[in-house]
Amino acid sequence: MSAKEVIAIMFACILANNYVFQNFFGVEAVALDSEKGIKCMLFNGLTVTAVLIVSTLITWPINAMLASASYLQTLVFAIVTTAVVYIA
């Protein structure tokens, strides 16, 4: 696979992902609504970042204990992330 093909695939992924976010998740509607929409997007982004940081800090020692059972790591991360969102 040449570098040109890799760049074409990456460009196609970027366009496809943006299309999905704009049309199916309504990201564009929130962003272009008003100043309140931009503040809401910033707050949502910071909230997601905080949840992921807290979830990672909690699951890191658990993943160290589950090193032999790698199939459980994703499940544990999903459960911890759900718990952190529920608590917050």
PDB file of N, CA and C in Angstrom:
ATOM      1  N   MET A   1       0.851  -1.172   0.000  1.00  0.00           N
ATOM      2  CA  MET A   1       0.000   0.000   0.000  1.00  0.00           C
ATOM      3  C   MET A   1       0.897   1.235   0.000  1.00  0.00           C
ATOM      4  N   SER A   2       0.639   2.121  -0.925  1.00  0.00           N
ATOM      5  CA  SER A   2       1.467   3.315  -1.055  1.00  0.00           C
ATOM      6  C   SER A   2       0.977   4.415  -0.103  1.00  0.00           C
ATOM      7  N   ALA A   3       1.809   5.417   0.021  1.00  0.00           N
ATOM      8  CA  ALA A   3       1.462   6.547   0.884  1.00  0.00           C
ATOM      9  C   ALA A   3       0.246   7.290   0.340  1.00  0.00           C
ATOM     10  N   LYS A   4       0.121   7.325  -0.978  1.00  0.00           N
ATOM     11  CA  LYS A   4      -1.020   8.003  -1.590  1.00  0.00           C
ATOM     12  C   LYS A   4      -2.328   7.310  -1.220  1.00  0.00           C
ATOM     13  N   GLU A   5      -2.329   5.981  -1.198  1.00  0.00           N
ATOM     14  CA  GLU A   5      -3.532   5.232  -0.821  1.00  0.00           C
ATOM     15  C   GLU A   5      -3.879   5.433   0.643  1.00  0.00           C
ATOM     16  N   VAL A   6      -2.854   5.462   1.495  1.00  0.00           N
ATOM     17  CA  VAL A   6      -3.087   5.672   2.932  1.00  0.00           C
ATOM     18  C   VAL A   6      -3.686   7.048   3.174  1.00  0.00           C
ATOM     19  N   ILE A   7      -3.164   8.065   2.499  1.00  0.00           N
ATOM     20  CA  ILE A   7      -3.694   9.420   2.661  1.00  0.00           C
ATOM     21  C   ILE A   7      -5.128   9.493   2.144  1.00  0.00           C
ATOM     22  N   ALA A   8      -5.408   8.805   1.045  1.00  0.00           N
ATOM     23  CA  ALA A   8      -6.775   8.798   0.509  1.00  0.00           C
ATOM     24  C   ALA A   8      -7.741   8.134   1.476  1.00  0.00           C
ATOM     25  N   ILE A   9      -7.325   7.044   2.101  1.00  0.00           N
ATOM     26  CA  ILE A   9      -8.178   6.362   3.084  1.00  0.00           C
ATOM     27  C   ILE A   9      -8.412   7.249   4.299  1.00  0.00           C
ATOM     28  N   MET A  10      -7.361   7.903   4.791  1.00  0.00           N
ATOM     29  CA  MET A  10      -7.508   8.788   5.947  1.00  0.00           C
ATOM     30  C   MET A  10      -8.444   9.953   5.630  1.00  0.00           C
ATOM     31  N   PHE A  11      -8.307  10.535   4.439  1.00  0.00           N
ATOM     32  CA  PHE A  11      -9.166  11.641   4.033  1.00  0.00           C
ATOM     33  C   PHE A  11     -10.623  11.188   3.932  1.00  0.00           C
ATOM     34  N   ALA A  12     -10.837   9.996   3.381  1.00  0.00           N
ATOM     35  CA  ALA A  12     -12.201   9.464   3.279  1.00  0.00           C
ATOM     36  C   ALA A  12     -12.797   9.224   4.665  1.00  0.00           C
ATOM     37  N   CYS A  13     -11.999   8.735   5.596  1.00  0.00           N
ATOM     38  CA  CYS A  13     -12.494   8.511   6.968  1.00  0.00           C
ATOM     39  C   CYS A  13     -12.867   9.829   7.639  1.00  0.00           C
ATOM     40  N   ILE A  14     -12.049  10.840   7.435  1.00  0.00           N
ATOM     41  CA  ILE A  14     -12.338  12.143   8.036  1.00  0.00           C
ATOM     42  C   ILE A  14     -13.658  12.693   7.503  1.00  0.00           C
ATOM     43  N   LEU A  15     -13.854  12.618   6.204  1.00  0.00           N
ATOM     44  CA  LEU A  15     -15.095  13.122   5.617  1.00  0.00           C
ATOM     45  C   LEU A  15     -16.298  12.309   6.061  1.00  0.00           C
ATOM     46  N   ALA A  16     -16.152  10.993   6.121  1.00  0.00           N
ATOM     47  CA  ALA A  16     -17.274  10.140   6.521  1.00  0.00           C
ATOM     48  C   ALA A  16     -17.645  10.384   7.973  1.00  0.00           C
ATOM     49  N   ASN A  17     -16.664  10.520   8.836  1.00  0.00           N
ATOM     50  CA  ASN A  17     -16.955  10.748  10.251  1.00  0.00           C
ATOM     51  C   ASN A  17     -17.624  12.096  10.461  1.00  0.00           C
ATOM     52  N   ASN A  18     -17.174  13.131   9.764  1.00  0.00           N
ATOM     53  CA  ASN A  18     -17.804  14.436   9.904  1.00  0.00           C
ATOM     54  C   ASN A  18     -19.242  14.410   9.398  1.00  0.00           C
ATOM     55  N   TYR A  19     -19.490  13.691   8.330  1.00  0.00           N
ATOM     56  CA  TYR A  19     -20.849  13.575   7.796  1.00  0.00           C
ATOM     57  C   TYR A  19     -21.768  12.920   8.821  1.00  0.00           C
ATOM     58  N   VAL A  20     -21.281  11.862   9.464  1.00  0.00           N
ATOM     59  CA  VAL A  20     -22.083  11.164  10.469  1.00  0.00           C
ATOM     60  C   VAL A  20     -22.381  12.090  11.640  1.00  0.00           C
ATOM     61  N   PHE A  21     -21.372  12.797  12.133  1.00  0.00           N
ATOM     62  CA  PHE A  21     -21.592  13.681  13.268  1.00  0.00           C
ATOM     63  C   PHE A  21     -22.554  14.809  12.933  1.00  0.00           C
ATOM     64  N   GLN A  22     -22.437  15.395  11.762  1.00  0.00           N
ATOM     65  CA  GLN A  22     -23.294  16.512  11.409  1.00  0.00           C
ATOM     66  C   GLN A  22     -24.736  16.093  11.193  1.00  0.00           C
ATOM     67  N   ASN A  23     -24.947  15.002  10.517  1.00  0.00           N
ATOM     68  CA  ASN A  23     -26.301  14.651  10.120  1.00  0.00           C
ATOM     69  C   ASN A  23     -27.039  13.744  11.094  1.00  0.00           C
ATOM     70  N   PHE A  24     -26.330  12.877  11.761  1.00  0.00           N
ATOM     71  CA  PHE A  24     -27.022  11.918  12.614  1.00  0.00           C
ATOM     72  C   PHE A  24     -26.973  12.282  14.091  1.00  0.00           C
ATOM     73  N   PHE A  25     -25.930  12.958  14.517  1.00  0.00           N
ATOM     74  CA  PHE A  25     -25.830  13.317  15.926  1.00  0.00           C
ATOM     75  C   PHE A  25     -26.199  14.763  16.206  1.00  0.00           C
ATOM     76  N   GLY A  26     -26.369  15.568  15.176  1.00  0.00           N
ATOM     77  CA  GLY A  26     -26.798  16.947  15.349  1.00  0.00           C
ATOM     78  C   GLY A  26     -25.753  17.868  15.936  1.00  0.00           C
ATOM     79  N   VAL A  27     -24.482  17.583  15.731  1.00  0.00           N
ATOM     80  CA  VAL A  27     -23.428  18.418  16.287  1.00  0.00           C
ATOM     81  C   VAL A  27     -23.448  19.800  15.653  1.00  0.00           C
ATOM     82  N   GLU A  28     -23.685  19.863  14.372  1.00  0.00           N
ATOM     83  CA  GLU A  28     -23.679  21.139  13.674  1.00  0.00           C
ATOM     84  C   GLU A  28     -24.805  22.047  14.176  1.00  0.00           C
ATOM     85  N   ALA A  29     -25.950  21.478  14.464  1.00  0.00           N
ATOM     86  CA  ALA A  29     -27.077  22.270  14.918  1.00  0.00           C
ATOM     87  C   ALA A  29     -26.788  22.942  16.257  1.00  0.00           C
ATOM     88  N   VAL A  30     -26.091  22.255  17.139  1.00  0.00           N
ATOM     89  CA  VAL A  30     -25.749  22.842  18.438  1.00  0.00           C
ATOM     90  C   VAL A  30     -24.683  23.906  18.274  1.00  0.00           C
ATOM     91  N   ALA A  31     -23.720  23.656  17.394  1.00  0.00           N
ATOM     92  CA  ALA A  31     -22.600  24.586  17.244  1.00  0.00           C
ATOM     93  C   ALA A  31     -23.032  25.889  16.594  1.00  0.00           C
ATOM     94  N   LEU A  32     -23.905  25.822  15.623  1.00  0.00           N
ATOM     95  CA  LEU A  32     -24.269  27.011  14.867  1.00  0.00           C
ATOM     96  C   LEU A  32     -25.499  27.715  15.404  1.00  0.00           C
ATOM     97  N   ASP A  33     -26.049  27.210  16.500  1.00  0.00           N
ATOM     98  CA  ASP A  33     -27.278  27.779  17.045  1.00  0.00           C
ATOM     99  C   ASP A  33     -27.050  29.210  17.503  1.00  0.00           C
ATOM    100  N   SER A  34     -26.160  29.410  18.439  1.00  0.00           N
ATOM    101  CA  SER A  34     -25.897  30.740  18.974  1.00  0.00           C
ATOM    102  C   SER A  34     -24.671  30.652  19.867  1.00  0.00           C
ATOM    103  N   GLU A  35     -24.422  31.720  20.575  1.00  0.00           N
ATOM    104  CA  GLU A  35     -23.324  31.724  21.544  1.00  0.00           C
ATOM    105  C   GLU A  35     -23.583  30.699  22.639  1.00  0.00           C
ATOM    106  N   LYS A  36     -24.842  30.513  22.997  1.00  0.00           N
ATOM    107  CA  LYS A  36     -25.193  29.514  24.006  1.00  0.00           C
ATOM    108  C   LYS A  36     -24.820  28.113  23.521  1.00  0.00           C
ATOM    109  N   GLY A  37     -24.985  27.844  22.231  1.00  0.00           N
ATOM    110  CA  GLY A  37     -24.644  26.545  21.670  1.00  0.00           C
ATOM    111  C   GLY A  37     -23.159  26.255  21.772  1.00  0.00           C
ATOM    112  N   ILE A  38     -22.337  27.270  21.530  1.00  0.00           N
ATOM    113  CA  ILE A  38     -20.890  27.080  21.632  1.00  0.00           C
ATOM    114  C   ILE A  38     -20.491  26.833  23.077  1.00  0.00           C
ATOM    115  N   LYS A  39     -21.087  27.546  24.003  1.00  0.00           N
ATOM    116  CA  LYS A  39     -20.803  27.319  25.418  1.00  0.00           C
ATOM    117  C   LYS A  39     -21.247  25.927  25.847  1.00  0.00           C
ATOM    118  N   CYS A  40     -22.386  25.493  25.326  1.00  0.00           N
ATOM    119  CA  CYS A  40     -22.891  24.155  25.641  1.00  0.00           C
ATOM    120  C   CYS A  40     -21.942  23.088  25.109  1.00  0.00           C
ATOM    121  N   MET A  41     -21.440  23.287  23.875  1.00  0.00           N
ATOM    122  CA  MET A  41     -20.492  22.328  23.318  1.00  0.00           C
ATOM    123  C   MET A  41     -19.204  22.285  24.119  1.00  0.00           C
ATOM    124  N   LEU A  42     -18.724  23.434  24.560  1.00  0.00           N
ATOM    125  CA  LEU A  42     -17.512  23.486  25.374  1.00  0.00           C
ATOM    126  C   LEU A  42     -17.730  22.759  26.695  1.00  0.00           C
ATOM    127  N   PHE A  43     -18.869  22.992  27.327  1.00  0.00           N
ATOM    128  CA  PHE A  43     -19.179  22.312  28.582  1.00  0.00           C
ATOM    129  C   PHE A  43     -19.272  20.802  28.386  1.00  0.00           C
ATOM    130  N   ASN A  44     -19.932  20.375  27.307  1.00  0.00           N
ATOM    131  CA  ASN A  44     -20.045  18.937  27.039  1.00  0.00           C
ATOM    132  C   ASN A  44     -18.679  18.320  26.774  1.00  0.00           C
ATOM    133  N   GLY A  45     -17.830  19.011  26.041  1.00  0.00           N
ATOM    134  CA  GLY A  45     -16.492  18.506  25.770  1.00  0.00           C
ATOM    135  C   GLY A  45     -15.667  18.377  27.035  1.00  0.00           C
ATOM    136  N   LEU A  46     -15.740  19.375  27.907  1.00  0.00           N
ATOM    137  CA  LEU A  46     -15.000  19.305  29.170  1.00  0.00           C
ATOM    138  C   LEU A  46     -15.546  18.208  30.085  1.00  0.00           C
ATOM    139  N   THR A  47     -16.858  18.012  30.065  1.00  0.00           N
ATOM    140  CA  THR A  47     -17.456  16.949  30.867  1.00  0.00           C
ATOM    141  C   THR A  47     -17.003  15.584  30.386  1.00  0.00           C
ATOM    142  N   VAL A  48     -17.003  15.370  29.079  1.00  0.00           N
ATOM    143  CA  VAL A  48     -16.556  14.078  28.537  1.00  0.00           C
ATOM    144  C   VAL A  48     -15.089  13.856  28.858  1.00  0.00           C
ATOM    145  N   THR A  49     -14.273  14.890  28.755  1.00  0.00           N
ATOM    146  CA  THR A  49     -12.855  14.770  29.077  1.00  0.00           C
ATOM    147  C   THR A  49     -12.659  14.410  30.543  1.00  0.00           C
ATOM    148  N   ALA A  50     -13.393  15.054  31.433  1.00  0.00           N
ATOM    149  CA  ALA A  50     -13.270  14.758  32.860  1.00  0.00           C
ATOM    150  C   ALA A  50     -13.711  13.330  33.175  1.00  0.00           C
ATOM    151  N   VAL A  51     -14.798  12.888  32.563  1.00  0.00           N
ATOM    152  CA  VAL A  51     -15.277  11.518  32.799  1.00  0.00           C
ATOM    153  C   VAL A  51     -14.248  10.505  32.324  1.00  0.00           C
ATOM    154  N   LEU A  52     -13.654  10.745  31.166  1.00  0.00           N
ATOM    155  CA  LEU A  52     -12.653   9.804  30.661  1.00  0.00           C
ATOM    156  C   LEU A  52     -11.397   9.792  31.514  1.00  0.00           C
ATOM    157  N   ILE A  53     -10.987  10.941  32.030  1.00  0.00           N
ATOM    158  CA  ILE A  53      -9.810  10.977  32.902  1.00  0.00           C
ATOM    159  C   ILE A  53     -10.080  10.227  34.198  1.00  0.00           C
ATOM    160  N   VAL A  54     -11.219  10.466  34.817  1.00  0.00           N
ATOM    161  CA  VAL A  54     -11.559   9.773  36.071  1.00  0.00           C
ATOM    162  C   VAL A  54     -11.708   8.276  35.827  1.00  0.00           C
ATOM    163  N   SER A  55     -12.353   7.905  34.734  1.00  0.00           N
ATOM    164  CA  SER A  55     -12.525   6.482  34.414  1.00  0.00           C
ATOM    165  C   SER A  55     -11.183   5.800  34.183  1.00  0.00           C
ATOM    166  N   THR A  56     -10.287   6.488  33.510  1.00  0.00           N
ATOM    167  CA  THR A  56      -8.965   5.923  33.260  1.00  0.00           C
ATOM    168  C   THR A  56      -8.181   5.766  34.552  1.00  0.00           C
ATOM    169  N   LEU A  57      -8.278   6.753  35.437  1.00  0.00           N
ATOM    170  CA  LEU A  57      -7.576   6.645  36.714  1.00  0.00           C
ATOM    171  C   LEU A  57      -8.108   5.486  37.558  1.00  0.00           C
ATOM    172  N   ILE A  58      -9.386   5.205  37.452  1.00  0.00           N
ATOM    173  CA  ILE A  58      -9.968   4.092  38.218  1.00  0.00           C
ATOM    174  C   ILE A  58      -9.634   2.752  37.574  1.00  0.00           C
ATOM    175  N   THR A  59      -9.699   2.678  36.250  1.00  0.00           N
ATOM    176  CA  THR A  59      -9.511   1.384  35.590  1.00  0.00           C
ATOM    177  C   THR A  59      -8.050   0.997  35.406  1.00  0.00           C
ATOM    178  N   TRP A  60      -7.126   1.934  35.526  1.00  0.00           N
ATOM    179  CA  TRP A  60      -5.720   1.597  35.334  1.00  0.00           C
ATOM    180  C   TRP A  60      -5.235   0.528  36.315  1.00  0.00           C
ATOM    181  N   PRO A  61      -5.472   0.669  37.619  1.00  0.00           N
ATOM    182  CA  PRO A  61      -5.036  -0.407  38.525  1.00  0.00           C
ATOM    183  C   PRO A  61      -5.819  -1.707  38.310  1.00  0.00           C
ATOM    184  N   ILE A  62      -7.078  -1.585  37.925  1.00  0.00           N
ATOM    185  CA  ILE A  62      -7.866  -2.791  37.671  1.00  0.00           C
ATOM    186  C   ILE A  62      -7.315  -3.534  36.455  1.00  0.00           C
ATOM    187  N   ASN A  63      -6.944  -2.795  35.418  1.00  0.00           N
ATOM    188  CA  ASN A  63      -6.354  -3.423  34.239  1.00  0.00           C
ATOM    189  C   ASN A  63      -5.022  -4.083  34.562  1.00  0.00           C
ATOM    190  N   ALA A  64      -4.276  -3.520  35.493  1.00  0.00           N
ATOM    191  CA  ALA A  64      -3.011  -4.139  35.895  1.00  0.00           C
ATOM    192  C   ALA A  64      -3.272  -5.491  36.550  1.00  0.00           C
ATOM    193  N   MET A  65      -4.361  -5.599  37.303  1.00  0.00           N
ATOM    194  CA  MET A  65      -4.703  -6.875  37.926  1.00  0.00           C
ATOM    195  C   MET A  65      -5.264  -7.867  36.912  1.00  0.00           C
ATOM    196  N   LEU A  66      -5.909  -7.366  35.868  1.00  0.00           N
ATOM    197  CA  LEU A  66      -6.535  -8.227  34.864  1.00  0.00           C
ATOM    198  C   LEU A  66      -5.649  -8.432  33.637  1.00  0.00           C
ATOM    199  N   ALA A  67      -4.351  -8.299  33.786  1.00  0.00           N
ATOM    200  CA  ALA A  67      -3.458  -8.388  32.627  1.00  0.00           C
ATOM    201  C   ALA A  67      -3.567  -9.742  31.932  1.00  0.00           C
ATOM    202  N   SER A  68      -3.824 -10.800  32.688  1.00  0.00           N
ATOM    203  CA  SER A  68      -3.922 -12.122  32.065  1.00  0.00           C
ATOM    204  C   SER A  68      -5.276 -12.320  31.369  1.00  0.00           C
ATOM    205  N   ALA A  69      -6.294 -11.593  31.782  1.00  0.00           N
ATOM    206  CA  ALA A  69      -7.626 -11.720  31.177  1.00  0.00           C
ATOM    207  C   ALA A  69      -7.932 -10.452  30.382  1.00  0.00           C
ATOM    208  N   SER A  70      -7.293 -10.311  29.233  1.00  0.00           N
ATOM    209  CA  SER A  70      -7.418  -9.074  28.464  1.00  0.00           C
ATOM    210  C   SER A  70      -8.828  -8.859  27.916  1.00  0.00           C
ATOM    211  N   TYR A  71      -9.606  -9.924  27.790  1.00  0.00           N
ATOM    212  CA  TYR A  71     -10.965  -9.773  27.274  1.00  0.00           C
ATOM    213  C   TYR A  71     -11.875  -9.051  28.252  1.00  0.00           C
ATOM    214  N   LEU A  72     -11.493  -8.995  29.519  1.00  0.00           N
ATOM    215  CA  LEU A  72     -12.306  -8.302  30.515  1.00  0.00           C
ATOM    216  C   LEU A  72     -12.001  -6.810  30.612  1.00  0.00           C
ATOM    217  N   GLN A  73     -10.903  -6.376  30.034  1.00  0.00           N
ATOM    218  CA  GLN A  73     -10.493  -4.977  30.187  1.00  0.00           C
ATOM    219  C   GLN A  73     -11.500  -4.013  29.582  1.00  0.00           C
ATOM    220  N   THR A  74     -12.006  -4.316  28.405  1.00  0.00           N
ATOM    221  CA  THR A  74     -12.992  -3.429  27.776  1.00  0.00           C
ATOM    222  C   THR A  74     -14.293  -3.417  28.562  1.00  0.00           C
ATOM    223  N   LEU A  75     -14.697  -4.572  29.042  1.00  0.00           N
ATOM    224  CA  LEU A  75     -15.921  -4.657  29.836  1.00  0.00           C
ATOM    225  C   LEU A  75     -15.789  -3.857  31.127  1.00  0.00           C
ATOM    226  N   VAL A  76     -14.661  -3.977  31.798  1.00  0.00           N
ATOM    227  CA  VAL A  76     -14.447  -3.237  33.043  1.00  0.00           C
ATOM    228  C   VAL A  76     -14.435  -1.735  32.767  1.00  0.00           C
ATOM    229  N   PHE A  77     -13.781  -1.313  31.684  1.00  0.00           N
ATOM    230  CA  PHE A  77     -13.755   0.109  31.368  1.00  0.00           C
ATOM    231  C   PHE A  77     -15.158   0.637  31.083  1.00  0.00           C
ATOM    232  N   ALA A  78     -15.962  -0.127  30.362  1.00  0.00           N
ATOM    233  CA  ALA A  78     -17.333   0.302  30.075  1.00  0.00           C
ATOM    234  C   ALA A  78     -18.158   0.402  31.352  1.00  0.00           C
ATOM    235  N   ILE A  79     -18.001  -0.557  32.250  1.00  0.00           N
ATOM    236  CA  ILE A  79     -18.754  -0.531  33.511  1.00  0.00           C
ATOM    237  C   ILE A  79     -18.326   0.644  34.374  1.00  0.00           C
ATOM    238  N   VAL A  80     -17.027   0.884  34.483  1.00  0.00           N
ATOM    239  CA  VAL A  80     -16.535   1.992  35.303  1.00  0.00           C
ATOM    240  C   VAL A  80     -16.960   3.331  34.702  1.00  0.00           C
ATOM    241  N   THR A  81     -16.878   3.464  33.386  1.00  0.00           N
ATOM    242  CA  THR A  81     -17.294   4.715  32.744  1.00  0.00           C
ATOM    243  C   THR A  81     -18.777   4.974  32.969  1.00  0.00           C
ATOM    244  N   THR A  82     -19.588   3.941  32.860  1.00  0.00           N
ATOM    245  CA  THR A  82     -21.024   4.091  33.118  1.00  0.00           C
ATOM    246  C   THR A  82     -21.271   4.514  34.560  1.00  0.00           C
ATOM    247  N   ALA A  83     -20.538   3.918  35.497  1.00  0.00           N
ATOM    248  CA  ALA A  83     -20.689   4.280  36.908  1.00  0.00           C
ATOM    249  C   ALA A  83     -20.272   5.724  37.168  1.00  0.00           C
ATOM    250  N   VAL A  84     -19.178   6.156  36.545  1.00  0.00           N
ATOM    251  CA  VAL A  84     -18.720   7.532  36.743  1.00  0.00           C
ATOM    252  C   VAL A  84     -19.735   8.526  36.182  1.00  0.00           C
ATOM    253  N   VAL A  85     -20.301   8.232  35.025  1.00  0.00           N
ATOM    254  CA  VAL A  85     -21.323   9.114  34.446  1.00  0.00           C
ATOM    255  C   VAL A  85     -22.561   9.139  35.334  1.00  0.00           C
ATOM    256  N   TYR A  86     -22.941   7.989  35.862  1.00  0.00           N
ATOM    257  CA  TYR A  86     -24.124   7.915  36.716  1.00  0.00           C
ATOM    258  C   TYR A  86     -23.918   8.701  38.012  1.00  0.00           C
ATOM    259  N   ILE A  87     -22.731   8.593  38.588  1.00  0.00           N
ATOM    260  CA  ILE A  87     -22.433   9.286  39.849  1.00  0.00           C
ATOM    261  C   ILE A  87     -22.321  10.801  39.613  1.00  0.00           C
ATOM    262  N   ALA A  88     -21.685  11.190  38.528  1.00  0.00           N
ATOM    263  CA  ALA A  88     -21.494  12.613  38.232  1.00  0.00           C
ATOM    264  C   ALA A  88     -22.788  13.181  37.745  1.00  0.00           C
TER     265      ALA A  88
END
